[in-house]
Amino acid sequence: MKKRVGSKKISVIKKSPLSGAIRDLGSEIRSLSKERIELRADLKSVSSSLDGDHDKERELQKKIARLIEKEASLNKKKKTLQAEVDRVSDKVNKISKIRSEMSDI
């Protein structure tokens, strides 16, 4: 009977370090699980932010395209108006030349 008691004590002693290690592993697993949850939340936040940034980028690209079209239209209008100014300026110069010639007579 003494041997059984002794063997029980030995098995209890052997279980004690194992149960401590198991507890440590359980604690580590819980810690890693919390960290994984936090990382997933961070990833979701970053992903959402990235989606928002992509939407903003597309919006700005469309705005740039509209501004480029408007700039081209304004440049065309400027060219047309400059041609008109040049034409009127030529007429004014001709009229001035005719006046000058008439005043010489």
PDB file of N, CA and C in Angstrom:
ATOM      1  N   MET A   1       0.796  -1.177   0.000  1.00  0.00           N
ATOM      2  CA  MET A   1       0.000   0.000   0.000  1.00  0.00           C
ATOM      3  C   MET A   1       0.858   1.269   0.000  1.00  0.00           C
ATOM      4  N   LYS A   2       1.949   1.226   0.605  1.00  0.00           N
ATOM      5  CA  LYS A   2       2.828   2.383   0.618  1.00  0.00           C
ATOM      6  C   LYS A   2       3.334   2.704  -0.784  1.00  0.00           C
ATOM      7  N   LYS A   3       3.561   1.681  -1.565  1.00  0.00           N
ATOM      8  CA  LYS A   3       4.056   1.924  -2.916  1.00  0.00           C
ATOM      9  C   LYS A   3       3.038   2.699  -3.746  1.00  0.00           C
ATOM     10  N   ARG A   4       1.783   2.369  -3.534  1.00  0.00           N
ATOM     11  CA  ARG A   4       0.748   3.086  -4.290  1.00  0.00           C
ATOM     12  C   ARG A   4       0.705   4.567  -3.891  1.00  0.00           C
ATOM     13  N   VAL A   5       0.781   4.798  -2.654  1.00  0.00           N
ATOM     14  CA  VAL A   5       0.770   6.183  -2.193  1.00  0.00           C
ATOM     15  C   VAL A   5       1.960   6.930  -2.775  1.00  0.00           C
ATOM     16  N   GLY A   6       3.095   6.268  -2.727  1.00  0.00           N
ATOM     17  CA  GLY A   6       4.297   6.874  -3.284  1.00  0.00           C
ATOM     18  C   GLY A   6       4.166   7.107  -4.774  1.00  0.00           C
ATOM     19  N   SER A   7       3.603   6.155  -5.478  1.00  0.00           N
ATOM     20  CA  SER A   7       3.449   6.324  -6.919  1.00  0.00           C
ATOM     21  C   SER A   7       2.432   7.412  -7.237  1.00  0.00           C
ATOM     22  N   LYS A   8       1.427   7.550  -6.362  1.00  0.00           N
ATOM     23  CA  LYS A   8       0.463   8.642  -6.569  1.00  0.00           C
ATOM     24  C   LYS A   8       1.141   9.987  -6.365  1.00  0.00           C
ATOM     25  N   LYS A   9       1.991  10.052  -5.366  1.00  0.00           N
ATOM     26  CA  LYS A   9       2.708  11.301  -5.130  1.00  0.00           C
ATOM     27  C   LYS A   9       3.592  11.641  -6.323  1.00  0.00           C
ATOM     28  N   ILE A  10       4.239  10.649  -6.867  1.00  0.00           N
ATOM     29  CA  ILE A  10       5.109  10.881  -8.015  1.00  0.00           C
ATOM     30  C   ILE A  10       4.287  11.358  -9.209  1.00  0.00           C
ATOM     31  N   SER A  11       3.148  10.719  -9.440  1.00  0.00           N
ATOM     32  CA  SER A  11       2.315  11.142 -10.556  1.00  0.00           C
ATOM     33  C   SER A  11       1.757  12.538 -10.324  1.00  0.00           C
ATOM     34  N   VAL A  12       1.448  12.882  -9.091  1.00  0.00           N
ATOM     35  CA  VAL A  12       0.975  14.225  -8.776  1.00  0.00           C
ATOM     36  C   VAL A  12       2.092  15.223  -9.020  1.00  0.00           C
ATOM     37  N   ILE A  13       3.280  14.871  -8.629  1.00  0.00           N
ATOM     38  CA  ILE A  13       4.420  15.758  -8.838  1.00  0.00           C
ATOM     39  C   ILE A  13       4.690  15.922 -10.333  1.00  0.00           C
ATOM     40  N   LYS A  14       4.606  14.847 -11.080  1.00  0.00           N
ATOM     41  CA  LYS A  14       4.836  14.926 -12.519  1.00  0.00           C
ATOM     42  C   LYS A  14       3.745  15.739 -13.205  1.00  0.00           C
ATOM     43  N   LYS A  15       2.512  15.660 -12.743  1.00  0.00           N
ATOM     44  CA  LYS A  15       1.415  16.415 -13.349  1.00  0.00           C
ATOM     45  C   LYS A  15       1.548  17.902 -13.054  1.00  0.00           C
ATOM     46  N   SER A  16       2.072  18.239 -11.926  1.00  0.00           N
ATOM     47  CA  SER A  16       2.166  19.631 -11.532  1.00  0.00           C
ATOM     48  C   SER A  16       2.978  20.463 -12.528  1.00  0.00           C
ATOM     49  N   PRO A  17       4.184  20.067 -12.915  1.00  0.00           N
ATOM     50  CA  PRO A  17       4.900  20.861 -13.916  1.00  0.00           C
ATOM     51  C   PRO A  17       4.192  20.849 -15.269  1.00  0.00           C
ATOM     52  N   LEU A  18       3.585  19.732 -15.639  1.00  0.00           N
ATOM     53  CA  LEU A  18       2.855  19.666 -16.903  1.00  0.00           C
ATOM     54  C   LEU A  18       1.636  20.570 -16.879  1.00  0.00           C
ATOM     55  N   SER A  19       0.918  20.545 -15.771  1.00  0.00           N
ATOM     56  CA  SER A  19      -0.267  21.402 -15.705  1.00  0.00           C
ATOM     57  C   SER A  19       0.134  22.870 -15.707  1.00  0.00           C
ATOM     58  N   GLY A  20       1.267  23.191 -15.111  1.00  0.00           N
ATOM     59  CA  GLY A  20       1.768  24.568 -15.167  1.00  0.00           C
ATOM     60  C   GLY A  20       2.112  24.959 -16.590  1.00  0.00           C
ATOM     61  N   ALA A  21       2.748  24.047 -17.303  1.00  0.00           N
ATOM     62  CA  ALA A  21       3.096  24.314 -18.697  1.00  0.00           C
ATOM     63  C   ALA A  21       1.842  24.446 -19.544  1.00  0.00           C
ATOM     64  N   ILE A  22       0.855  23.592 -19.272  1.00  0.00           N
ATOM     65  CA  ILE A  22      -0.412  23.660 -20.010  1.00  0.00           C
ATOM     66  C   ILE A  22      -1.110  24.985 -19.729  1.00  0.00           C
ATOM     67  N   ARG A  23      -1.088  25.415 -18.470  1.00  0.00           N
ATOM     68  CA  ARG A  23      -1.682  26.715 -18.124  1.00  0.00           C
ATOM     69  C   ARG A  23      -0.958  27.837 -18.859  1.00  0.00           C
ATOM     70  N   ASP A  24       0.371  27.761 -18.893  1.00  0.00           N
ATOM     71  CA  ASP A  24       1.152  28.775 -19.607  1.00  0.00           C
ATOM     72  C   ASP A  24       0.801  28.793 -21.094  1.00  0.00           C
ATOM     73  N   LEU A  25       0.667  27.600 -21.667  1.00  0.00           N
ATOM     74  CA  LEU A  25       0.286  27.514 -23.079  1.00  0.00           C
ATOM     75  C   LEU A  25      -1.110  28.084 -23.310  1.00  0.00           C
ATOM     76  N   GLY A  26      -2.027  27.763 -22.403  1.00  0.00           N
ATOM     77  CA  GLY A  26      -3.388  28.302 -22.515  1.00  0.00           C
ATOM     78  C   GLY A  26      -3.383  29.818 -22.441  1.00  0.00           C
ATOM     79  N   SER A  27      -2.583  30.338 -21.514  1.00  0.00           N
ATOM     80  CA  SER A  27      -2.469  31.790 -21.376  1.00  0.00           C
ATOM     81  C   SER A  27      -1.879  32.403 -22.646  1.00  0.00           C
ATOM     82  N   GLU A  28      -0.861  31.771 -23.181  1.00  0.00           N
ATOM     83  CA  GLU A  28      -0.231  32.252 -24.414  1.00  0.00           C
ATOM     84  C   GLU A  28      -1.212  32.201 -25.579  1.00  0.00           C
ATOM     85  N   ILE A  29      -2.000  31.137 -25.665  1.00  0.00           N
ATOM     86  CA  ILE A  29      -3.002  31.007 -26.731  1.00  0.00           C
ATOM     87  C   ILE A  29      -4.039  32.118 -26.617  1.00  0.00           C
ATOM     88  N   ARG A  30      -4.495  32.405 -25.394  1.00  0.00           N
ATOM     89  CA  ARG A  30      -5.465  33.491 -25.200  1.00  0.00           C
ATOM     90  C   ARG A  30      -4.853  34.830 -25.607  1.00  0.00           C
ATOM     91  N   SER A  31      -3.609  35.036 -25.228  1.00  0.00           N
ATOM     92  CA  SER A  31      -2.923  36.277 -25.580  1.00  0.00           C
ATOM     93  C   SER A  31      -2.796  36.410 -27.099  1.00  0.00           C
ATOM     94  N   LEU A  32      -2.405  35.325 -27.750  1.00  0.00           N
ATOM     95  CA  LEU A  32      -2.279  35.351 -29.213  1.00  0.00           C
ATOM     96  C   LEU A  32      -3.633  35.539 -29.890  1.00  0.00           C
ATOM     97  N   SER A  33      -4.675  34.962 -29.317  1.00  0.00           N
ATOM     98  CA  SER A  33      -6.024  35.134 -29.875  1.00  0.00           C
ATOM     99  C   SER A  33      -6.458  36.592 -29.792  1.00  0.00           C
ATOM    100  N   LYS A  34      -6.178  37.229 -28.637  1.00  0.00           N
ATOM    101  CA  LYS A  34      -6.509  38.652 -28.492  1.00  0.00           C
ATOM    102  C   LYS A  34      -5.729  39.485 -29.505  1.00  0.00           C
ATOM    103  N   GLU A  35      -4.453  39.162 -29.658  1.00  0.00           N
ATOM    104  CA  GLU A  35      -3.621  39.890 -30.613  1.00  0.00           C
ATOM    105  C   GLU A  35      -4.137  39.697 -32.038  1.00  0.00           C
ATOM    106  N   ARG A  36      -4.555  38.472 -32.373  1.00  0.00           N
ATOM    107  CA  ARG A  36      -5.100  38.192 -33.700  1.00  0.00           C
ATOM    108  C   ARG A  36      -6.369  39.014 -33.933  1.00  0.00           C
ATOM    109  N   ILE A  37      -7.239  39.084 -32.927  1.00  0.00           N
ATOM    110  CA  ILE A  37      -8.476  39.864 -33.043  1.00  0.00           C
ATOM    111  C   ILE A  37      -8.147  41.335 -33.268  1.00  0.00           C
ATOM    112  N   GLU A  38      -7.165  41.851 -32.510  1.00  0.00           N
ATOM    113  CA  GLU A  38      -6.768  43.253 -32.669  1.00  0.00           C
ATOM    114  C   GLU A  38      -6.185  43.498 -34.063  1.00  0.00           C
ATOM    115  N   LEU A  39      -5.367  42.561 -34.530  1.00  0.00           N
ATOM    116  CA  LEU A  39      -4.777  42.712 -35.864  1.00  0.00           C
ATOM    117  C   LEU A  39      -5.841  42.666 -36.954  1.00  0.00           C
ATOM    118  N   ARG A  40      -6.823  41.803 -36.785  1.00  0.00           N
ATOM    119  CA  ARG A  40      -7.916  41.750 -37.767  1.00  0.00           C
ATOM    120  C   ARG A  40      -8.698  43.055 -37.775  1.00  0.00           C
ATOM    121  N   ALA A  41      -8.929  43.618 -36.580  1.00  0.00           N
ATOM    122  CA  ALA A  41      -9.639  44.900 -36.495  1.00  0.00           C
ATOM    123  C   ALA A  41      -8.814  45.994 -37.169  1.00  0.00           C
ATOM    124  N   ASP A  42      -7.504  45.997 -36.906  1.00  0.00           N
ATOM    125  CA  ASP A  42      -6.628  46.986 -37.546  1.00  0.00           C
ATOM    126  C   ASP A  42      -6.631  46.814 -39.059  1.00  0.00           C
ATOM    127  N   LEU A  43      -6.574  45.570 -39.505  1.00  0.00           N
ATOM    128  CA  LEU A  43      -6.586  45.278 -40.940  1.00  0.00           C
ATOM    129  C   LEU A  43      -7.886  45.757 -41.577  1.00  0.00           C
ATOM    130  N   LYS A  44      -8.996  45.531 -40.894  1.00  0.00           N
ATOM    131  CA  LYS A  44     -10.293  45.977 -41.406  1.00  0.00           C
ATOM    132  C   LYS A  44     -10.322  47.498 -41.506  1.00  0.00           C
ATOM    133  N   SER A  45      -9.787  48.161 -40.486  1.00  0.00           N
ATOM    134  CA  SER A  45      -9.749  49.621 -40.482  1.00  0.00           C
ATOM    135  C   SER A  45      -8.880  50.148 -41.623  1.00  0.00           C
ATOM    136  N   VAL A  46      -7.715  49.550 -41.790  1.00  0.00           N
ATOM    137  CA  VAL A  46      -6.805  49.976 -42.860  1.00  0.00           C
ATOM    138  C   VAL A  46      -7.433  49.705 -44.222  1.00  0.00           C
ATOM    139  N   SER A  47      -8.072  48.555 -44.356  1.00  0.00           N
ATOM    140  CA  SER A  47      -8.725  48.202 -45.616  1.00  0.00           C
ATOM    141  C   SER A  47      -9.827  49.203 -45.946  1.00  0.00           C
ATOM    142  N   SER A  48     -10.605  49.561 -44.937  1.00  0.00           N
ATOM    143  CA  SER A  48     -11.680  50.536 -45.131  1.00  0.00           C
ATOM    144  C   SER A  48     -11.100  51.891 -45.528  1.00  0.00           C
ATOM    145  N   SER A  49     -10.038  52.281 -44.846  1.00  0.00           N
ATOM    146  CA  SER A  49      -9.383  53.548 -45.155  1.00  0.00           C
ATOM    147  C   SER A  49      -8.822  53.532 -46.572  1.00  0.00           C
ATOM    148  N   LEU A  50      -8.251  52.415 -46.954  1.00  0.00           N
ATOM    149  CA  LEU A  50      -7.690  52.267 -48.296  1.00  0.00           C
ATOM    150  C   LEU A  50      -8.791  52.357 -49.351  1.00  0.00           C
ATOM    151  N   ASP A  51      -9.930  51.736 -49.087  1.00  0.00           N
ATOM    152  CA  ASP A  51     -11.063  51.826 -50.010  1.00  0.00           C
ATOM    153  C   ASP A  51     -11.508  53.276 -50.158  1.00  0.00           C
ATOM    154  N   GLY A  52     -11.565  53.982 -49.033  1.00  0.00           N
ATOM    155  CA  GLY A  52     -11.934  55.398 -49.071  1.00  0.00           C
ATOM    156  C   GLY A  52     -10.938  56.214 -49.876  1.00  0.00           C
ATOM    157  N   ASP A  53      -9.659  55.900 -49.695  1.00  0.00           N
ATOM    158  CA  ASP A  53      -8.623  56.609 -50.448  1.00  0.00           C
ATOM    159  C   ASP A  53      -8.733  56.323 -51.943  1.00  0.00           C
ATOM    160  N   HIS A  54      -9.039  55.078 -52.298  1.00  0.00           N
ATOM    161  CA  HIS A  54      -9.209  54.732 -53.721  1.00  0.00           C
ATOM    162  C   HIS A  54     -10.405  55.473 -54.311  1.00  0.00           C
ATOM    163  N   ASP A  55     -11.495  55.555 -53.551  1.00  0.00           N
ATOM    164  CA  ASP A  55     -12.670  56.294 -54.024  1.00  0.00           C
ATOM    165  C   ASP A  55     -12.320  57.761 -54.238  1.00  0.00           C
ATOM    166  N   LYS A  56     -11.593  58.334 -53.287  1.00  0.00           N
ATOM    167  CA  LYS A  56     -11.189  59.738 -53.382  1.00  0.00           C
ATOM    168  C   LYS A  56     -10.272  59.941 -54.590  1.00  0.00           C
ATOM    169  N   GLU A  57      -9.360  58.987 -54.814  1.00  0.00           N
ATOM    170  CA  GLU A  57      -8.451  59.073 -55.958  1.00  0.00           C
ATOM    171  C   GLU A  57      -9.232  59.057 -57.270  1.00  0.00           C
ATOM    172  N   ARG A  58     -10.211  58.149 -57.386  1.00  0.00           N
ATOM    173  CA  ARG A  58     -11.029  58.081 -58.606  1.00  0.00           C
ATOM    174  C   ARG A  58     -11.791  59.386 -58.814  1.00  0.00           C
ATOM    175  N   GLU A  59     -12.340  59.918 -57.729  1.00  0.00           N
ATOM    176  CA  GLU A  59     -13.088  61.175 -57.803  1.00  0.00           C
ATOM    177  C   GLU A  59     -12.172  62.304 -58.282  1.00  0.00           C
ATOM    178  N   LEU A  60     -10.962  62.364 -57.732  1.00  0.00           N
ATOM    179  CA  LEU A  60     -10.024  63.412 -58.128  1.00  0.00           C
ATOM    180  C   LEU A  60      -9.557  63.230 -59.574  1.00  0.00           C
ATOM    181  N   GLN A  61      -9.385  61.983 -60.009  1.00  0.00           N
ATOM    182  CA  GLN A  61      -9.004  61.739 -61.404  1.00  0.00           C
ATOM    183  C   GLN A  61     -10.098  62.213 -62.355  1.00  0.00           C
ATOM    184  N   LYS A  62     -11.359  61.970 -61.993  1.00  0.00           N
ATOM    185  CA  LYS A  62     -12.473  62.447 -62.821  1.00  0.00           C
ATOM    186  C   LYS A  62     -12.492  63.970 -62.854  1.00  0.00           C
ATOM    187  N   LYS A  63     -12.232  64.581 -61.706  1.00  0.00           N
ATOM    188  CA  LYS A  63     -12.223  66.036 -61.627  1.00  0.00           C
ATOM    189  C   LYS A  63     -11.093  66.604 -62.493  1.00  0.00           C
ATOM    190  N   ILE A  64      -9.934  65.961 -62.445  1.00  0.00           N
ATOM    191  CA  ILE A  64      -8.805  66.393 -63.281  1.00  0.00           C
ATOM    192  C   ILE A  64      -9.167  66.270 -64.757  1.00  0.00           C
ATOM    193  N   ALA A  65      -9.817  65.174 -65.129  1.00  0.00           N
ATOM    194  CA  ALA A  65     -10.221  64.975 -66.530  1.00  0.00           C
ATOM    195  C   ALA A  65     -11.184  66.078 -66.968  1.00  0.00           C
ATOM    196  N   ARG A  66     -12.147  66.425 -66.099  1.00  0.00           N
ATOM    197  CA  ARG A  66     -13.088  67.506 -66.434  1.00  0.00           C
ATOM    198  C   ARG A  66     -12.348  68.837 -66.576  1.00  0.00           C
ATOM    199  N   LEU A  67     -11.388  69.086 -65.689  1.00  0.00           N
ATOM    200  CA  LEU A  67     -10.628  70.334 -65.760  1.00  0.00           C
ATOM    201  C   LEU A  67      -9.770  70.391 -67.023  1.00  0.00           C
ATOM    202  N   ILE A  68      -9.219  69.254 -67.424  1.00  0.00           N
ATOM    203  CA  ILE A  68      -8.426  69.212 -68.661  1.00  0.00           C
ATOM    204  C   ILE A  68      -9.315  69.524 -69.861  1.00  0.00           C
ATOM    205  N   GLU A  69     -10.529  68.955 -69.876  1.00  0.00           N
ATOM    206  CA  GLU A  69     -11.474  69.247 -70.961  1.00  0.00           C
ATOM    207  C   GLU A  69     -11.830  70.730 -70.975  1.00  0.00           C
ATOM    208  N   LYS A  70     -12.068  71.272 -69.783  1.00  0.00           N
ATOM    209  CA  LYS A  70     -12.423  72.685 -69.682  1.00  0.00           C
ATOM    210  C   LYS A  70     -11.250  73.557 -70.135  1.00  0.00           C
ATOM    211  N   GLU A  71     -10.038  73.166 -69.755  1.00  0.00           N
ATOM    212  CA  GLU A  71      -8.849  73.912 -70.165  1.00  0.00           C
ATOM    213  C   GLU A  71      -8.709  73.901 -71.686  1.00  0.00           C
ATOM    214  N   ALA A  72      -8.936  72.747 -72.298  1.00  0.00           N
ATOM    215  CA  ALA A  72      -8.847  72.648 -73.763  1.00  0.00           C
ATOM    216  C   ALA A  72      -9.889  73.550 -74.412  1.00  0.00           C
ATOM    217  N   SER A  73     -11.095  73.547 -73.862  1.00  0.00           N
ATOM    218  CA  SER A  73     -12.160  74.397 -74.394  1.00  0.00           C
ATOM    219  C   SER A  73     -11.791  75.873 -74.261  1.00  0.00           C
ATOM    220  N   LEU A  74     -11.253  76.231 -73.097  1.00  0.00           N
ATOM    221  CA  LEU A  74     -10.865  77.630 -72.878  1.00  0.00           C
ATOM    222  C   LEU A  74      -9.693  78.030 -73.780  1.00  0.00           C
ATOM    223  N   ASN A  75      -8.760  77.121 -73.998  1.00  0.00           N
ATOM    224  CA  ASN A  75      -7.640  77.424 -74.905  1.00  0.00           C
ATOM    225  C   ASN A  75      -8.135  77.637 -76.329  1.00  0.00           C
ATOM    226  N   LYS A  76      -9.104  76.830 -76.745  1.00  0.00           N
ATOM    227  CA  LYS A  76      -9.687  76.983 -78.084  1.00  0.00           C
ATOM    228  C   LYS A  76     -10.386  78.336 -78.189  1.00  0.00           C
ATOM    229  N   LYS A  77     -11.144  78.681 -77.147  1.00  0.00           N
ATOM    230  CA  LYS A  77     -11.850  79.965 -77.125  1.00  0.00           C
ATOM    231  C   LYS A  77     -10.844  81.119 -77.123  1.00  0.00           C
ATOM    232  N   LYS A  78      -9.760  80.962 -76.362  1.00  0.00           N
ATOM    233  CA  LYS A  78      -8.722  81.996 -76.311  1.00  0.00           C
ATOM    234  C   LYS A  78      -8.099  82.193 -77.689  1.00  0.00           C
ATOM    235  N   LYS A  79      -7.840  81.093 -78.367  1.00  0.00           N
ATOM    236  CA  LYS A  79      -7.251  81.165 -79.705  1.00  0.00           C
ATOM    237  C   LYS A  79      -8.192  81.885 -80.669  1.00  0.00           C
ATOM    238  N   THR A  80      -9.489  81.545 -80.584  1.00  0.00           N
ATOM    239  CA  THR A  80     -10.494  82.192 -81.436  1.00  0.00           C
ATOM    240  C   THR A  80     -10.566  83.688 -81.138  1.00  0.00           C
ATOM    241  N   LEU A  81     -10.589  84.032 -79.850  1.00  0.00           N
ATOM    242  CA  LEU A  81     -10.657  85.449 -79.467  1.00  0.00           C
ATOM    243  C   LEU A  81      -9.390  86.194 -79.870  1.00  0.00           C
ATOM    244  N   GLN A  82      -8.235  85.534 -79.747  1.00  0.00           N
ATOM    245  CA  GLN A  82      -6.980  86.176 -80.151  1.00  0.00           C
ATOM    246  C   GLN A  82      -6.984  86.450 -81.655  1.00  0.00           C
ATOM    247  N   ALA A  83      -7.525  85.509 -82.425  1.00  0.00           N
ATOM    248  CA  ALA A  83      -7.635  85.709 -83.877  1.00  0.00           C
ATOM    249  C   ALA A  83      -8.557  86.890 -84.168  1.00  0.00           C
ATOM    250  N   GLU A  84      -9.640  86.991 -83.420  1.00  0.00           N
ATOM    251  CA  GLU A  84     -10.583  88.111 -83.589  1.00  0.00           C
ATOM    252  C   GLU A  84      -9.910  89.432 -83.224  1.00  0.00           C
ATOM    253  N   VAL A  85      -9.147  89.432 -82.129  1.00  0.00           N
ATOM    254  CA  VAL A  85      -8.419  90.642 -81.719  1.00  0.00           C
ATOM    255  C   VAL A  85      -7.421  91.036 -82.809  1.00  0.00           C
ATOM    256  N   ASP A  86      -6.714  90.060 -83.351  1.00  0.00           N
ATOM    257  CA  ASP A  86      -5.747  90.344 -84.421  1.00  0.00           C
ATOM    258  C   ASP A  86      -6.450  90.912 -85.654  1.00  0.00           C
ATOM    259  N   ARG A  87      -7.606  90.360 -86.000  1.00  0.00           N
ATOM    260  CA  ARG A  87      -8.367  90.836 -87.154  1.00  0.00           C
ATOM    261  C   ARG A  87      -8.829  92.278 -86.929  1.00  0.00           C
ATOM    262  N   VAL A  88      -9.355  92.558 -85.741  1.00  0.00           N
ATOM    263  CA  VAL A  88      -9.815  93.916 -85.424  1.00  0.00           C
ATOM    264  C   VAL A  88      -8.627  94.872 -85.395  1.00  0.00           C
ATOM    265  N   SER A  89      -7.524  94.411 -84.849  1.00  0.00           N
ATOM    266  CA  SER A  89      -6.320  95.251 -84.797  1.00  0.00           C
ATOM    267  C   SER A  89      -5.837  95.591 -86.208  1.00  0.00           C
ATOM    268  N   ASP A  90      -5.881  94.613 -87.100  1.00  0.00           N
ATOM    269  CA  ASP A  90      -5.515  94.871 -88.500  1.00  0.00           C
ATOM    270  C   ASP A  90      -6.443  95.911 -89.119  1.00  0.00           C
ATOM    271  N   LYS A  91      -7.745  95.803 -88.848  1.00  0.00           N
ATOM    272  CA  LYS A  91      -8.709  96.776 -89.385  1.00  0.00           C
ATOM    273  C   LYS A  91      -8.424  98.169 -88.840  1.00  0.00           C
ATOM    274  N   VAL A  92      -8.125  98.248 -87.541  1.00  0.00           N
ATOM    275  CA  VAL A  92      -7.825  99.552 -86.924  1.00  0.00           C
ATOM    276  C   VAL A  92      -6.571 100.144 -87.566  1.00  0.00           C
ATOM    277  N   ASN A  93      -5.577  99.305 -87.785  1.00  0.00           N
ATOM    278  CA  ASN A  93      -4.340  99.788 -88.432  1.00  0.00           C
ATOM    279  C   ASN A  93      -4.620 100.276 -89.853  1.00  0.00           C
ATOM    280  N   LYS A  94      -5.465  99.560 -90.590  1.00  0.00           N
ATOM    281  CA  LYS A  94      -5.821  99.983 -91.949  1.00  0.00           C
ATOM    282  C   LYS A  94      -6.555 101.313 -91.917  1.00  0.00           C
ATOM    283  N   ILE A  95      -7.489 101.433 -90.971  1.00  0.00           N
ATOM    284  CA  ILE A  95      -8.244 102.689 -90.854  1.00  0.00           C
ATOM    285  C   ILE A  95      -7.297 103.828 -90.500  1.00  0.00           C
ATOM    286  N   SER A  96      -6.372 103.574 -89.578  1.00  0.00           N
ATOM    287  CA  SER A  96      -5.396 104.612 -89.196  1.00  0.00           C
ATOM    288  C   SER A  96      -4.541 105.003 -90.393  1.00  0.00           C
ATOM    289  N   LYS A  97      -4.159 104.033 -91.179  1.00  0.00           N
ATOM    290  CA  LYS A  97      -3.343 104.299 -92.368  1.00  0.00           C
ATOM    291  C   LYS A  97      -4.132 105.135 -93.376  1.00  0.00           C
ATOM    292  N   ILE A  98      -5.425 104.768 -93.566  1.00  0.00           N
ATOM    293  CA  ILE A  98      -6.278 105.524 -94.495  1.00  0.00           C
ATOM    294  C   ILE A  98      -6.457 106.947 -93.988  1.00  0.00           C
ATOM    295  N   ARG A  99      -6.685 107.141 -92.708  1.00  0.00           N
ATOM    296  CA  ARG A  99      -6.835 108.488 -92.135  1.00  0.00           C
ATOM    297  C   ARG A  99      -5.564 109.296 -92.341  1.00  0.00           C
ATOM    298  N   SER A 100      -4.450 108.625 -92.101  1.00  0.00           N
ATOM    299  CA  SER A 100      -3.166 109.310 -92.273  1.00  0.00           C
ATOM    300  C   SER A 100      -2.987 109.744 -93.728  1.00  0.00           C
ATOM    301  N   GLU A 101      -3.339 108.870 -94.647  1.00  0.00           N
ATOM    302  CA  GLU A 101      -3.226 109.202 -96.066  1.00  0.00           C
ATOM    303  C   GLU A 101      -4.199 110.308 -96.448  1.00  0.00           C
ATOM    304  N   MET A 102      -5.411 110.284 -95.858  1.00  0.00           N
ATOM    305  CA  MET A 102      -6.404 111.322 -96.179  1.00  0.00           C
ATOM    306  C   MET A 102      -6.000 112.670 -95.599  1.00  0.00           C
ATOM    307  N   SER A 103      -5.358 112.635 -94.465  1.00  0.00           N
ATOM    308  CA  SER A 103      -4.944 113.914 -93.874  1.00  0.00           C
ATOM    309  C   SER A 103      -3.777 114.524 -94.651  1.00  0.00           C
ATOM    310  N   ASP A 104      -3.027 113.686 -95.353  1.00  0.00           N
ATOM    311  CA  ASP A 104      -1.925 114.175 -96.180  1.00  0.00           C
ATOM    312  C   ASP A 104      -2.457 114.878 -97.430  1.00  0.00           C
ATOM    313  N   ILE A 105      -3.656 114.563 -97.838  1.00  0.00           N
ATOM    314  CA  ILE A 105      -4.216 115.134 -99.058  1.00  0.00           C
ATOM    315  C   ILE A 105      -4.730 116.490 -98.797  1.00  0.00           C
TER     316      ILE A 105
END
